[in-house]
Amino acid sequence: MDGQSPSTGPFVNRPSMSDDKALLDADPDVLPELIGFARPRWRDDVPILWRDPTTIQLGDDVIVPRVGHDHVGWLARLDGLSTARAASADLPIPAAEARRLLRGLLAAGALDDAARIPDAVRWARAEDRDLVAGRFGAVLRSTRDLDAAYAVMSAREAARVVVLGREPVLAEAREAMSAAGLGAAASVREANVAVVAERGHPDVAALADHDLPDLPHLRIGVLGDRAVVGPIVVPGRTSCQRCAHLHRRDADPAWPLLAVQWAQATSALASPPLDPLLVRAACLQAALLLREWCEAPDAVTQWGNVAIEVALPRLQATRVGRPSHPLCGCLWAAA
């Protein structure tokens, strides 16, 4: 295969070049695969591996045959110190061969631009910079597209998540949001989304304890052998916790009475039955779901009206539908 992945096939992603006219207007002295890159750089976190004397593998899945040491030497010189024009001019191999190698780098998510630094990396504290730079590398590996990677990092950085609730779920939820790379808010007033971490019955929300006026929010409920995460409630756009309560009432007429008793019983527990691993798993699922929303807030079909249930002993996470209820009224204005 010529610079392609066995699973995805060949593809080329050029940053900041979204149409054919941009290519026609581009510098004719620059290789087409480098258009849009100011100072192209091969990322060494996608190593060049020799499969045999004439075949290399880029990272896990991109194989480029018919190469020699001149090919690899030229790739190694893409260190971000030279411009795209200089890299295109200084070719120890034919231009067609260089283009084939570049397509391999692009397919592997291994071509970066040293002239561009994500804001999350640029403004990170010195002690956090390596960690954040590593996150960007992981995003680029998953998107295989430089512009998409920058957009993802910006979306996560723009999030302002306030975490409310009770220990120990509260501390785990904060750790999970930090691990997800989501921005933190000190208060509801500063936040654009809230996470309510409750140590209570998974199906009995106590959101009334928190003032969340028109603020998107997500609940984590953990008790015993089960946890429920979500749904992400975006007022006027998605179902809410009351919808879930009404659906359960429809299935079990005694549920409203049981829910009140569950709330009273769990609030009185000095040592609620909480498995630390279940708490952590639930909070990580919450961070994943919230990251989906931050990266694609308009893709309601992807993250909306969905909850995640996690249960012991295997901690298997299952996505379940959480549709709106016709009698709730939370979507009446939108309708």
C-alpha atoms as a PDB file:
ATOM      1  CA  MET A   1       0.000   0.000   0.000  1.00  0.00           C
ATOM      2  CA  ASP A   2       1.216   3.500  -0.841  1.00  0.00           C
ATOM      3  CA  GLY A   3       0.924   5.486   2.374  1.00  0.00           C
ATOM      4  CA  GLN A   4      -2.461   4.201   3.397  1.00  0.00           C
ATOM      5  CA  SER A   5      -4.117   2.527   6.307  1.00  0.00           C
ATOM      6  CA  PRO A   6      -5.513  -0.995   5.826  1.00  0.00           C
ATOM      7  CA  SER A   7      -8.696   0.103   7.568  1.00  0.00           C
ATOM      8  CA  THR A   8      -9.298   3.619   6.286  1.00  0.00           C
ATOM      9  CA  GLY A   9      -7.568   3.859   2.935  1.00  0.00           C
ATOM     10  CA  PRO A  10      -5.592   6.862   1.705  1.00  0.00           C
ATOM     11  CA  PHE A  11      -6.640  10.374   2.565  1.00  0.00           C
ATOM     12  CA  VAL A  12      -4.980  13.764   2.623  1.00  0.00           C
ATOM     13  CA  ASN A  13      -5.922  16.560   5.005  1.00  0.00           C
ATOM     14  CA  ARG A  14      -4.521  19.981   4.200  1.00  0.00           C
ATOM     15  CA  PRO A  15      -4.933  22.561   6.980  1.00  0.00           C
ATOM     16  CA  SER A  16      -6.724  25.767   6.010  1.00  0.00           C
ATOM     17  CA  MET A  17      -7.282  24.619   2.404  1.00  0.00           C
ATOM     18  CA  SER A  18     -10.929  23.761   2.017  1.00  0.00           C
ATOM     19  CA  ASP A  19     -11.543  24.179  -1.728  1.00  0.00           C
ATOM     20  CA  ASP A  20      -9.936  23.612  -5.111  1.00  0.00           C
ATOM     21  CA  LYS A  21      -9.426  27.334  -5.748  1.00  0.00           C
ATOM     22  CA  ALA A  22      -7.125  27.519  -2.734  1.00  0.00           C
ATOM     23  CA  LEU A  23      -4.982  24.810  -4.297  1.00  0.00           C
ATOM     24  CA  LEU A  24      -4.869  26.615  -7.637  1.00  0.00           C
ATOM     25  CA  ASP A  25      -3.843  29.867  -5.955  1.00  0.00           C
ATOM     26  CA  ALA A  26      -1.200  28.163  -3.801  1.00  0.00           C
ATOM     27  CA  ASP A  27       2.543  28.473  -4.206  1.00  0.00           C
ATOM     28  CA  PRO A  28       3.530  26.292  -7.203  1.00  0.00           C
ATOM     29  CA  ASP A  29       6.931  25.674  -5.596  1.00  0.00           C
ATOM     30  CA  VAL A  30       5.345  23.881  -2.644  1.00  0.00           C
ATOM     31  CA  LEU A  31       4.394  20.217  -2.779  1.00  0.00           C
ATOM     32  CA  PRO A  32       0.573  19.977  -2.804  1.00  0.00           C
ATOM     33  CA  GLU A  33       0.552  17.903   0.394  1.00  0.00           C
ATOM     34  CA  LEU A  34       2.378  20.723   2.211  1.00  0.00           C
ATOM     35  CA  ILE A  35       0.003  23.497   1.160  1.00  0.00           C
ATOM     36  CA  GLY A  36      -1.256  25.233   4.274  1.00  0.00           C
ATOM     37  CA  PHE A  37       1.740  24.203   6.381  1.00  0.00           C
ATOM     38  CA  ALA A  38       4.101  27.052   7.272  1.00  0.00           C
ATOM     39  CA  ARG A  39       6.833  24.920   8.853  1.00  0.00           C
ATOM     40  CA  PRO A  40       6.024  21.218   8.371  1.00  0.00           C
ATOM     41  CA  ARG A  41       7.150  18.858  11.090  1.00  0.00           C
ATOM     42  CA  TRP A  42       7.117  15.082  11.343  1.00  0.00           C
ATOM     43  CA  ARG A  43       5.797  14.148  14.788  1.00  0.00           C
ATOM     44  CA  ASP A  44       8.149  11.639  16.383  1.00  0.00           C
ATOM     45  CA  ASP A  45       5.291  10.291  18.509  1.00  0.00           C
ATOM     46  CA  VAL A  46       4.310   8.472  15.291  1.00  0.00           C
ATOM     47  CA  PRO A  47       7.591   6.617  14.813  1.00  0.00           C
ATOM     48  CA  ILE A  48       8.975   5.389  11.509  1.00  0.00           C
ATOM     49  CA  LEU A  49       9.329   1.611  11.817  1.00  0.00           C
ATOM     50  CA  TRP A  50      11.058  -0.715   9.368  1.00  0.00           C
ATOM     51  CA  ARG A  51       8.979  -3.752   8.435  1.00  0.00           C
ATOM     52  CA  ASP A  52      11.652  -5.003   6.054  1.00  0.00           C
ATOM     53  CA  PRO A  53      14.594  -3.417   4.146  1.00  0.00           C
ATOM     54  CA  THR A  54      12.271  -1.577   1.721  1.00  0.00           C
ATOM     55  CA  THR A  55       9.021  -1.064   3.690  1.00  0.00           C
ATOM     56  CA  ILE A  56       8.264   1.314   6.543  1.00  0.00           C
ATOM     57  CA  GLN A  57       5.310   1.555   8.865  1.00  0.00           C
ATOM     58  CA  LEU A  58       4.164   4.887  10.282  1.00  0.00           C
ATOM     59  CA  GLY A  59       2.764   4.332  13.747  1.00  0.00           C
ATOM     60  CA  ASP A  60       0.320   1.456  14.037  1.00  0.00           C
ATOM     61  CA  ASP A  61      -1.416   1.248  10.715  1.00  0.00           C
ATOM     62  CA  VAL A  62       0.070   3.105   7.731  1.00  0.00           C
ATOM     63  CA  ILE A  63       2.451   1.109   5.538  1.00  0.00           C
ATOM     64  CA  VAL A  64       4.616   2.655   2.824  1.00  0.00           C
ATOM     65  CA  PRO A  65       6.524   0.268   0.540  1.00  0.00           C
ATOM     66  CA  ARG A  66       9.420   0.852  -1.849  1.00  0.00           C
ATOM     67  CA  VAL A  67      11.428   3.186   0.358  1.00  0.00           C
ATOM     68  CA  GLY A  68      15.087   3.565   1.151  1.00  0.00           C
ATOM     69  CA  HIS A  69      17.242   5.449   3.614  1.00  0.00           C
ATOM     70  CA  ASP A  70      17.094   8.587   1.451  1.00  0.00           C
ATOM     71  CA  HIS A  71      13.308   8.592   1.853  1.00  0.00           C
ATOM     72  CA  VAL A  72      13.472   8.221   5.611  1.00  0.00           C
ATOM     73  CA  GLY A  73      16.283  10.753   5.876  1.00  0.00           C
ATOM     74  CA  TRP A  74      14.172  13.362   4.109  1.00  0.00           C
ATOM     75  CA  LEU A  75      11.218  12.678   6.422  1.00  0.00           C
ATOM     76  CA  ALA A  76      13.474  13.089   9.439  1.00  0.00           C
ATOM     77  CA  ARG A  77      14.541  16.516   8.143  1.00  0.00           C
ATOM     78  CA  LEU A  78      10.940  17.727   8.424  1.00  0.00           C
ATOM     79  CA  ASP A  79      11.759  19.129  11.853  1.00  0.00           C
ATOM     80  CA  GLY A  80       9.703  22.340  11.791  1.00  0.00           C
ATOM     81  CA  LEU A  81      12.742  24.546  11.281  1.00  0.00           C
ATOM     82  CA  SER A  82      12.339  24.919   7.500  1.00  0.00           C
ATOM     83  CA  THR A  83       9.472  26.394   5.525  1.00  0.00           C
ATOM     84  CA  ALA A  84       7.237  24.299   3.305  1.00  0.00           C
ATOM     85  CA  ARG A  85       8.912  25.829   0.261  1.00  0.00           C
ATOM     86  CA  ALA A  86      12.392  24.905   1.530  1.00  0.00           C
ATOM     87  CA  ALA A  87      11.252  21.379   2.336  1.00  0.00           C
ATOM     88  CA  SER A  88       9.789  21.084  -1.167  1.00  0.00           C
ATOM     89  CA  ALA A  89      12.969  22.357  -2.795  1.00  0.00           C
ATOM     90  CA  ASP A  90      15.465  20.306  -0.819  1.00  0.00           C
ATOM     91  CA  LEU A  91      14.515  16.901  -2.224  1.00  0.00           C
ATOM     92  CA  PRO A  92      17.021  14.035  -2.313  1.00  0.00           C
ATOM     93  CA  ILE A  93      14.289  11.919  -3.910  1.00  0.00           C
ATOM     94  CA  PRO A  94      11.845  12.505  -6.800  1.00  0.00           C
ATOM     95  CA  ALA A  95       8.920  14.811  -6.044  1.00  0.00           C
ATOM     96  CA  ALA A  96       6.434  12.005  -6.697  1.00  0.00           C
ATOM     97  CA  GLU A  97       8.180   9.904  -4.033  1.00  0.00           C
ATOM     98  CA  ALA A  98       8.146  12.800  -1.573  1.00  0.00           C
ATOM     99  CA  ARG A  99       4.427  13.289  -2.161  1.00  0.00           C
ATOM    100  CA  ARG A 100       3.829   9.585  -1.534  1.00  0.00           C
ATOM    101  CA  LEU A 101       5.644   9.812   1.786  1.00  0.00           C
ATOM    102  CA  LEU A 102       3.732  12.928   2.785  1.00  0.00           C
ATOM    103  CA  ARG A 103       0.428  11.199   2.056  1.00  0.00           C
ATOM    104  CA  GLY A 104       1.579   8.497   4.429  1.00  0.00           C
ATOM    105  CA  LEU A 105       2.350  11.047   7.157  1.00  0.00           C
ATOM    106  CA  LEU A 106      -1.023  12.705   6.701  1.00  0.00           C
ATOM    107  CA  ALA A 107      -2.842   9.379   6.820  1.00  0.00           C
ATOM    108  CA  ALA A 108      -1.030   8.504  10.039  1.00  0.00           C
ATOM    109  CA  GLY A 109      -1.702  11.877  11.684  1.00  0.00           C
ATOM    110  CA  ALA A 110       2.054  12.436  11.838  1.00  0.00           C
ATOM    111  CA  LEU A 111       2.422  15.783  10.039  1.00  0.00           C
ATOM    112  CA  ASP A 112       2.273  18.877  12.230  1.00  0.00           C
ATOM    113  CA  ASP A 113       2.979  22.569  11.713  1.00  0.00           C
ATOM    114  CA  ALA A 114       5.594  24.023  14.038  1.00  0.00           C
ATOM    115  CA  ALA A 115       4.281  27.524  13.296  1.00  0.00           C
ATOM    116  CA  ARG A 116       0.943  26.743  14.915  1.00  0.00           C
ATOM    117  CA  ILE A 117       0.579  26.140  18.636  1.00  0.00           C
ATOM    118  CA  PRO A 118      -2.823  25.286  20.163  1.00  0.00           C
ATOM    119  CA  ASP A 119      -3.915  27.917  22.656  1.00  0.00           C
ATOM    120  CA  ALA A 120      -4.321  25.187  25.272  1.00  0.00           C
ATOM    121  CA  VAL A 121      -0.590  24.479  24.917  1.00  0.00           C
ATOM    122  CA  ARG A 122       0.500  28.086  24.419  1.00  0.00           C
ATOM    123  CA  TRP A 123      -1.134  29.342  27.613  1.00  0.00           C
ATOM    124  CA  ALA A 124      -0.611  26.261  29.780  1.00  0.00           C
ATOM    125  CA  ARG A 125       1.452  26.595  32.925  1.00  0.00           C
ATOM    126  CA  ALA A 126       5.048  25.536  32.429  1.00  0.00           C
ATOM    127  CA  GLU A 127       4.572  22.464  34.600  1.00  0.00           C
ATOM    128  CA  ASP A 128       1.495  21.408  32.587  1.00  0.00           C
ATOM    129  CA  ARG A 129       2.805  22.107  29.086  1.00  0.00           C
ATOM    130  CA  ASP A 130       4.146  18.618  28.368  1.00  0.00           C
ATOM    131  CA  LEU A 131       0.888  17.060  29.552  1.00  0.00           C
ATOM    132  CA  VAL A 132      -1.220  19.342  27.352  1.00  0.00           C
ATOM    133  CA  ALA A 133       1.093  18.857  24.379  1.00  0.00           C
ATOM    134  CA  GLY A 134       0.663  15.116  24.819  1.00  0.00           C
ATOM    135  CA  ARG A 135      -3.111  15.560  24.776  1.00  0.00           C
ATOM    136  CA  PHE A 136      -2.829  17.411  21.492  1.00  0.00           C
ATOM    137  CA  GLY A 137      -0.775  14.574  20.051  1.00  0.00           C
ATOM    138  CA  ALA A 138      -3.454  12.088  21.054  1.00  0.00           C
ATOM    139  CA  VAL A 139      -6.175  14.252  19.495  1.00  0.00           C
ATOM    140  CA  LEU A 140      -4.213  14.530  16.249  1.00  0.00           C
ATOM    141  CA  ARG A 141      -3.752  10.766  16.180  1.00  0.00           C
ATOM    142  CA  SER A 142      -7.489  10.250  16.605  1.00  0.00           C
ATOM    143  CA  THR A 143      -8.627  12.871  14.074  1.00  0.00           C
ATOM    144  CA  ARG A 144      -5.782  12.482  11.539  1.00  0.00           C
ATOM    145  CA  ASP A 145      -6.512  16.086  10.579  1.00  0.00           C
ATOM    146  CA  LEU A 146      -4.609  19.109  11.859  1.00  0.00           C
ATOM    147  CA  ASP A 147      -7.482  21.609  11.619  1.00  0.00           C
ATOM    148  CA  ALA A 148      -9.861  19.168  13.290  1.00  0.00           C
ATOM    149  CA  ALA A 149      -7.354  18.600  16.091  1.00  0.00           C
ATOM    150  CA  TYR A 150      -7.093  22.355  16.713  1.00  0.00           C
ATOM    151  CA  ALA A 151     -10.890  22.642  16.757  1.00  0.00           C
ATOM    152  CA  VAL A 152     -11.204  19.839  19.289  1.00  0.00           C
ATOM    153  CA  MET A 153      -8.595  21.363  21.584  1.00  0.00           C
ATOM    154  CA  SER A 154     -10.299  24.771  21.370  1.00  0.00           C
ATOM    155  CA  ALA A 155     -13.705  23.283  22.159  1.00  0.00           C
ATOM    156  CA  ARG A 156     -12.414  21.518  25.250  1.00  0.00           C
ATOM    157  CA  GLU A 157     -10.559  24.607  26.430  1.00  0.00           C
ATOM    158  CA  ALA A 158     -13.679  26.750  25.942  1.00  0.00           C
ATOM    159  CA  ALA A 159     -15.720  24.543  28.254  1.00  0.00           C
ATOM    160  CA  ARG A 160     -16.320  25.971  31.712  1.00  0.00           C
ATOM    161  CA  VAL A 161     -17.468  23.076  33.862  1.00  0.00           C
ATOM    162  CA  VAL A 162     -18.580  23.547  37.451  1.00  0.00           C
ATOM    163  CA  VAL A 163     -18.865  20.351  39.501  1.00  0.00           C
ATOM    164  CA  LEU A 164     -21.381  20.280  42.346  1.00  0.00           C
ATOM    165  CA  GLY A 165     -22.454  17.546  44.720  1.00  0.00           C
ATOM    166  CA  ARG A 166     -21.133  15.483  47.606  1.00  0.00           C
ATOM    167  CA  GLU A 167     -17.999  13.522  48.338  1.00  0.00           C
ATOM    168  CA  PRO A 168     -16.605  11.113  47.303  1.00  0.00           C
ATOM    169  CA  VAL A 169     -18.359  11.392  43.936  1.00  0.00           C
ATOM    170  CA  LEU A 170     -17.602  15.107  43.802  1.00  0.00           C
ATOM    171  CA  ALA A 171     -13.815  14.649  43.945  1.00  0.00           C
ATOM    172  CA  GLU A 172     -13.832  11.870  41.350  1.00  0.00           C
ATOM    173  CA  ALA A 173     -15.981  13.937  38.995  1.00  0.00           C
ATOM    174  CA  ARG A 174     -13.574  16.866  39.223  1.00  0.00           C
ATOM    175  CA  GLU A 175     -10.627  14.579  38.501  1.00  0.00           C
ATOM    176  CA  ALA A 176     -12.440  13.094  35.498  1.00  0.00           C
ATOM    177  CA  MET A 177     -13.244  16.501  34.005  1.00  0.00           C
ATOM    178  CA  SER A 178      -9.618  17.535  34.403  1.00  0.00           C
ATOM    179  CA  ALA A 179      -8.424  14.310  32.757  1.00  0.00           C
ATOM    180  CA  ALA A 180     -10.795  15.016  29.870  1.00  0.00           C
ATOM    181  CA  GLY A 181      -9.045  18.352  29.302  1.00  0.00           C
ATOM    182  CA  LEU A 182     -12.201  20.359  29.965  1.00  0.00           C
ATOM    183  CA  GLY A 183     -11.916  23.873  31.359  1.00  0.00           C
ATOM    184  CA  ALA A 184     -13.012  24.367  34.960  1.00  0.00           C
ATOM    185  CA  ALA A 185     -15.287  26.999  36.492  1.00  0.00           C
ATOM    186  CA  ALA A 186     -15.236  28.011  40.141  1.00  0.00           C
ATOM    187  CA  SER A 187     -18.975  28.729  40.353  1.00  0.00           C
ATOM    188  CA  VAL A 188     -22.269  28.325  38.543  1.00  0.00           C
ATOM    189  CA  ARG A 189     -22.096  31.974  37.534  1.00  0.00           C
ATOM    190  CA  GLU A 190     -18.850  31.398  35.611  1.00  0.00           C
ATOM    191  CA  ALA A 191     -19.876  28.051  34.096  1.00  0.00           C
ATOM    192  CA  ASN A 192     -21.411  27.116  30.765  1.00  0.00           C
ATOM    193  CA  VAL A 193     -22.210  23.579  31.948  1.00  0.00           C
ATOM    194  CA  ALA A 194     -22.671  21.941  35.337  1.00  0.00           C
ATOM    195  CA  VAL A 195     -22.004  18.427  36.575  1.00  0.00           C
ATOM    196  CA  VAL A 196     -24.017  17.329  39.590  1.00  0.00           C
ATOM    197  CA  ALA A 197     -22.288  14.400  41.312  1.00  0.00           C
ATOM    198  CA  GLU A 198     -24.680  12.682  43.723  1.00  0.00           C
ATOM    199  CA  ARG A 199     -24.245   9.749  46.063  1.00  0.00           C
ATOM    200  CA  GLY A 200     -27.836   8.663  45.882  1.00  0.00           C
ATOM    201  CA  HIS A 201     -30.231   6.368  44.060  1.00  0.00           C
ATOM    202  CA  PRO A 202     -29.259   6.447  40.363  1.00  0.00           C
ATOM    203  CA  ASP A 203     -32.837   7.216  39.318  1.00  0.00           C
ATOM    204  CA  VAL A 204     -33.706   9.798  41.981  1.00  0.00           C
ATOM    205  CA  ALA A 205     -32.264  13.186  41.054  1.00  0.00           C
ATOM    206  CA  ALA A 206     -31.923  15.896  43.677  1.00  0.00           C
ATOM    207  CA  LEU A 207     -31.244  18.721  41.239  1.00  0.00           C
ATOM    208  CA  ALA A 208     -33.579  20.985  43.173  1.00  0.00           C
ATOM    209  CA  ASP A 209     -30.760  21.308  45.713  1.00  0.00           C
ATOM    210  CA  HIS A 210     -28.784  23.313  43.144  1.00  0.00           C
ATOM    211  CA  ASP A 211     -29.682  26.555  41.402  1.00  0.00           C
ATOM    212  CA  LEU A 212     -29.098  25.834  37.689  1.00  0.00           C
ATOM    213  CA  PRO A 213     -31.162  28.414  35.793  1.00  0.00           C
ATOM    214  CA  ASP A 214     -31.128  27.510  32.085  1.00  0.00           C
ATOM    215  CA  LEU A 215     -27.647  26.022  32.448  1.00  0.00           C
ATOM    216  CA  PRO A 216     -26.839  22.798  30.578  1.00  0.00           C
ATOM    217  CA  HIS A 217     -26.126  20.124  33.139  1.00  0.00           C
ATOM    218  CA  LEU A 218     -25.372  16.460  33.590  1.00  0.00           C
ATOM    219  CA  ARG A 219     -26.096  14.317  36.636  1.00  0.00           C
ATOM    220  CA  ILE A 220     -24.075  11.421  38.017  1.00  0.00           C
ATOM    221  CA  GLY A 221     -25.999   9.191  40.429  1.00  0.00           C
ATOM    222  CA  VAL A 222     -24.168   6.332  42.177  1.00  0.00           C
ATOM    223  CA  LEU A 223     -25.372   3.927  44.856  1.00  0.00           C
ATOM    224  CA  GLY A 224     -24.861   0.254  45.553  1.00  0.00           C
ATOM    225  CA  ASP A 225     -24.123  -1.755  42.451  1.00  0.00           C
ATOM    226  CA  ARG A 226     -25.301   0.722  39.798  1.00  0.00           C
ATOM    227  CA  ALA A 227     -24.653   4.201  38.468  1.00  0.00           C
ATOM    228  CA  VAL A 228     -26.494   6.368  35.941  1.00  0.00           C
ATOM    229  CA  VAL A 229     -24.821   9.183  34.055  1.00  0.00           C
ATOM    230  CA  GLY A 230     -26.839  11.782  32.191  1.00  0.00           C
ATOM    231  CA  PRO A 231     -28.560  12.650  30.091  1.00  0.00           C
ATOM    232  CA  ILE A 232     -26.952  15.985  29.269  1.00  0.00           C
ATOM    233  CA  VAL A 233     -29.838  18.380  29.781  1.00  0.00           C
ATOM    234  CA  VAL A 234     -29.777  21.367  27.449  1.00  0.00           C
ATOM    235  CA  PRO A 235     -32.901  23.348  28.401  1.00  0.00           C
ATOM    236  CA  GLY A 236     -35.351  23.530  25.532  1.00  0.00           C
ATOM    237  CA  ARG A 237     -33.425  21.073  23.354  1.00  0.00           C
ATOM    238  CA  THR A 238     -33.203  17.729  25.153  1.00  0.00           C
ATOM    239  CA  SER A 239     -35.081  15.640  27.665  1.00  0.00           C
ATOM    240  CA  CYS A 240     -34.584  16.358  31.344  1.00  0.00           C
ATOM    241  CA  GLN A 241     -34.495  14.453  34.628  1.00  0.00           C
ATOM    242  CA  ARG A 242     -38.214  15.045  35.108  1.00  0.00           C
ATOM    243  CA  CYS A 243     -38.841  13.275  31.788  1.00  0.00           C
ATOM    244  CA  ALA A 244     -37.046  10.209  33.121  1.00  0.00           C
ATOM    245  CA  HIS A 245     -39.076  10.400  36.335  1.00  0.00           C
ATOM    246  CA  LEU A 246     -42.364  10.552  34.384  1.00  0.00           C
ATOM    247  CA  HIS A 247     -41.394   7.629  32.143  1.00  0.00           C
ATOM    248  CA  ARG A 248     -40.604   5.552  35.226  1.00  0.00           C
ATOM    249  CA  ARG A 249     -43.920   6.582  36.785  1.00  0.00           C
ATOM    250  CA  ASP A 250     -45.681   5.357  33.645  1.00  0.00           C
ATOM    251  CA  ALA A 251     -43.962   1.986  34.027  1.00  0.00           C
ATOM    252  CA  ASP A 252     -44.559   1.795  37.809  1.00  0.00           C
ATOM    253  CA  PRO A 253     -47.421   3.849  39.326  1.00  0.00           C
ATOM    254  CA  ALA A 254     -45.826   3.528  42.781  1.00  0.00           C
ATOM    255  CA  TRP A 255     -42.585   5.149  41.644  1.00  0.00           C
ATOM    256  CA  PRO A 256     -43.314   8.730  42.871  1.00  0.00           C
ATOM    257  CA  LEU A 257     -43.911   7.432  46.408  1.00  0.00           C
ATOM    258  CA  LEU A 258     -40.865   5.175  46.234  1.00  0.00           C
ATOM    259  CA  ALA A 259     -38.669   7.985  44.905  1.00  0.00           C
ATOM    260  CA  VAL A 260     -39.466  10.227  47.880  1.00  0.00           C
ATOM    261  CA  GLN A 261     -38.640   7.419  50.299  1.00  0.00           C
ATOM    262  CA  TRP A 262     -35.429   6.588  48.452  1.00  0.00           C
ATOM    263  CA  ALA A 263     -34.320  10.229  48.697  1.00  0.00           C
ATOM    264  CA  GLN A 264     -35.004  10.323  52.431  1.00  0.00           C
ATOM    265  CA  ALA A 265     -33.352   6.970  53.085  1.00  0.00           C
ATOM    266  CA  THR A 266     -30.131   7.693  51.193  1.00  0.00           C
ATOM    267  CA  SER A 267     -29.702  11.178  52.654  1.00  0.00           C
ATOM    268  CA  ALA A 268     -29.777   9.661  56.142  1.00  0.00           C
ATOM    269  CA  LEU A 269     -27.019   7.104  55.447  1.00  0.00           C
ATOM    270  CA  ALA A 270     -23.787   7.773  57.301  1.00  0.00           C
ATOM    271  CA  SER A 271     -21.886   5.314  55.097  1.00  0.00           C
ATOM    272  CA  PRO A 272     -23.714   4.868  51.780  1.00  0.00           C
ATOM    273  CA  PRO A 273     -22.765   1.734  49.814  1.00  0.00           C
ATOM    274  CA  LEU A 274     -20.300   3.152  47.299  1.00  0.00           C
ATOM    275  CA  ASP A 275     -17.762   1.116  45.384  1.00  0.00           C
ATOM    276  CA  PRO A 276     -14.819   3.442  44.603  1.00  0.00           C
ATOM    277  CA  LEU A 277     -14.172   1.783  41.248  1.00  0.00           C
ATOM    278  CA  LEU A 278     -17.828   2.170  40.235  1.00  0.00           C
ATOM    279  CA  VAL A 279     -17.704   5.840  41.241  1.00  0.00           C
ATOM    280  CA  ARG A 280     -14.595   6.367  39.130  1.00  0.00           C
ATOM    281  CA  ALA A 281     -16.028   4.502  36.146  1.00  0.00           C
ATOM    282  CA  ALA A 282     -19.241   6.556  36.279  1.00  0.00           C
ATOM    283  CA  CYS A 283     -17.331   9.834  36.454  1.00  0.00           C
ATOM    284  CA  LEU A 284     -15.147   8.841  33.502  1.00  0.00           C
ATOM    285  CA  GLN A 285     -18.261   8.047  31.458  1.00  0.00           C
ATOM    286  CA  ALA A 286     -19.634  11.454  32.415  1.00  0.00           C
ATOM    287  CA  ALA A 287     -16.429  13.115  31.194  1.00  0.00           C
ATOM    288  CA  LEU A 288     -16.621  11.220  27.887  1.00  0.00           C
ATOM    289  CA  LEU A 289     -20.261  12.180  27.344  1.00  0.00           C
ATOM    290  CA  LEU A 290     -19.621  15.802  28.229  1.00  0.00           C
ATOM    291  CA  ARG A 291     -16.614  15.916  25.920  1.00  0.00           C
ATOM    292  CA  GLU A 292     -18.819  14.708  23.059  1.00  0.00           C
ATOM    293  CA  TRP A 293     -21.160  17.616  23.749  1.00  0.00           C
ATOM    294  CA  CYS A 294     -18.362  20.176  23.976  1.00  0.00           C
ATOM    295  CA  GLU A 295     -16.789  19.048  20.699  1.00  0.00           C
ATOM    296  CA  ALA A 296     -20.073  18.866  18.763  1.00  0.00           C
ATOM    297  CA  PRO A 297     -22.778  20.852  20.606  1.00  0.00           C
ATOM    298  CA  ASP A 298     -25.103  20.782  17.582  1.00  0.00           C
ATOM    299  CA  ALA A 299     -24.911  17.004  17.081  1.00  0.00           C
ATOM    300  CA  VAL A 300     -27.875  16.266  19.342  1.00  0.00           C
ATOM    301  CA  THR A 301     -28.352  12.842  17.744  1.00  0.00           C
ATOM    302  CA  GLN A 302     -24.871  11.938  18.993  1.00  0.00           C
ATOM    303  CA  TRP A 303     -25.099  12.945  22.638  1.00  0.00           C
ATOM    304  CA  GLY A 304     -28.692  14.074  23.301  1.00  0.00           C
ATOM    305  CA  ASN A 305     -31.436  12.137  25.103  1.00  0.00           C
ATOM    306  CA  VAL A 306     -28.928   9.476  26.128  1.00  0.00           C
ATOM    307  CA  ALA A 307     -27.911   8.193  29.546  1.00  0.00           C
ATOM    308  CA  ILE A 308     -25.157   5.751  30.431  1.00  0.00           C
ATOM    309  CA  GLU A 309     -25.666   2.997  32.978  1.00  0.00           C
ATOM    310  CA  VAL A 310     -22.675   1.371  34.662  1.00  0.00           C
ATOM    311  CA  ALA A 311     -23.106  -1.692  36.873  1.00  0.00           C
ATOM    312  CA  LEU A 312     -21.021  -3.981  39.018  1.00  0.00           C
ATOM    313  CA  PRO A 313     -19.313  -6.398  38.905  1.00  0.00           C
ATOM    314  CA  ARG A 314     -17.885  -5.882  35.388  1.00  0.00           C
ATOM    315  CA  LEU A 315     -18.506  -2.124  35.171  1.00  0.00           C
ATOM    316  CA  GLN A 316     -19.946  -2.529  31.699  1.00  0.00           C
ATOM    317  CA  ALA A 317     -21.224   0.799  30.357  1.00  0.00           C
ATOM    318  CA  THR A 318     -24.511   0.698  28.426  1.00  0.00           C
ATOM    319  CA  ARG A 319     -26.066   3.610  26.559  1.00  0.00           C
ATOM    320  CA  VAL A 320     -29.810   3.817  27.040  1.00  0.00           C
ATOM    321  CA  GLY A 321     -32.364   6.131  25.498  1.00  0.00           C
ATOM    322  CA  ARG A 322     -33.790   8.928  27.624  1.00  0.00           C
ATOM    323  CA  PRO A 323     -36.527  10.444  25.424  1.00  0.00           C
ATOM    324  CA  SER A 324     -38.546  13.463  26.412  1.00  0.00           C
ATOM    325  CA  HIS A 325     -41.940  12.903  28.031  1.00  0.00           C
ATOM    326  CA  PRO A 326     -44.963  14.501  26.364  1.00  0.00           C
ATOM    327  CA  LEU A 327     -46.331  15.732  29.706  1.00  0.00           C
ATOM    328  CA  CYS A 328     -43.094  17.183  31.062  1.00  0.00           C
ATOM    329  CA  GLY A 329     -43.246  20.473  29.193  1.00  0.00           C
ATOM    330  CA  CYS A 330     -39.473  20.941  28.918  1.00  0.00           C
ATOM    331  CA  LEU A 331     -39.642  20.988  25.098  1.00  0.00           C
ATOM    332  CA  TRP A 332     -43.008  22.663  24.662  1.00  0.00           C
ATOM    333  CA  ALA A 333     -41.504  26.059  23.904  1.00  0.00           C
ATOM    334  CA  ALA A 334     -39.289  24.603  21.177  1.00  0.00           C
ATOM    335  CA  ALA A 335     -42.238  22.730  19.676  1.00  0.00           C
END
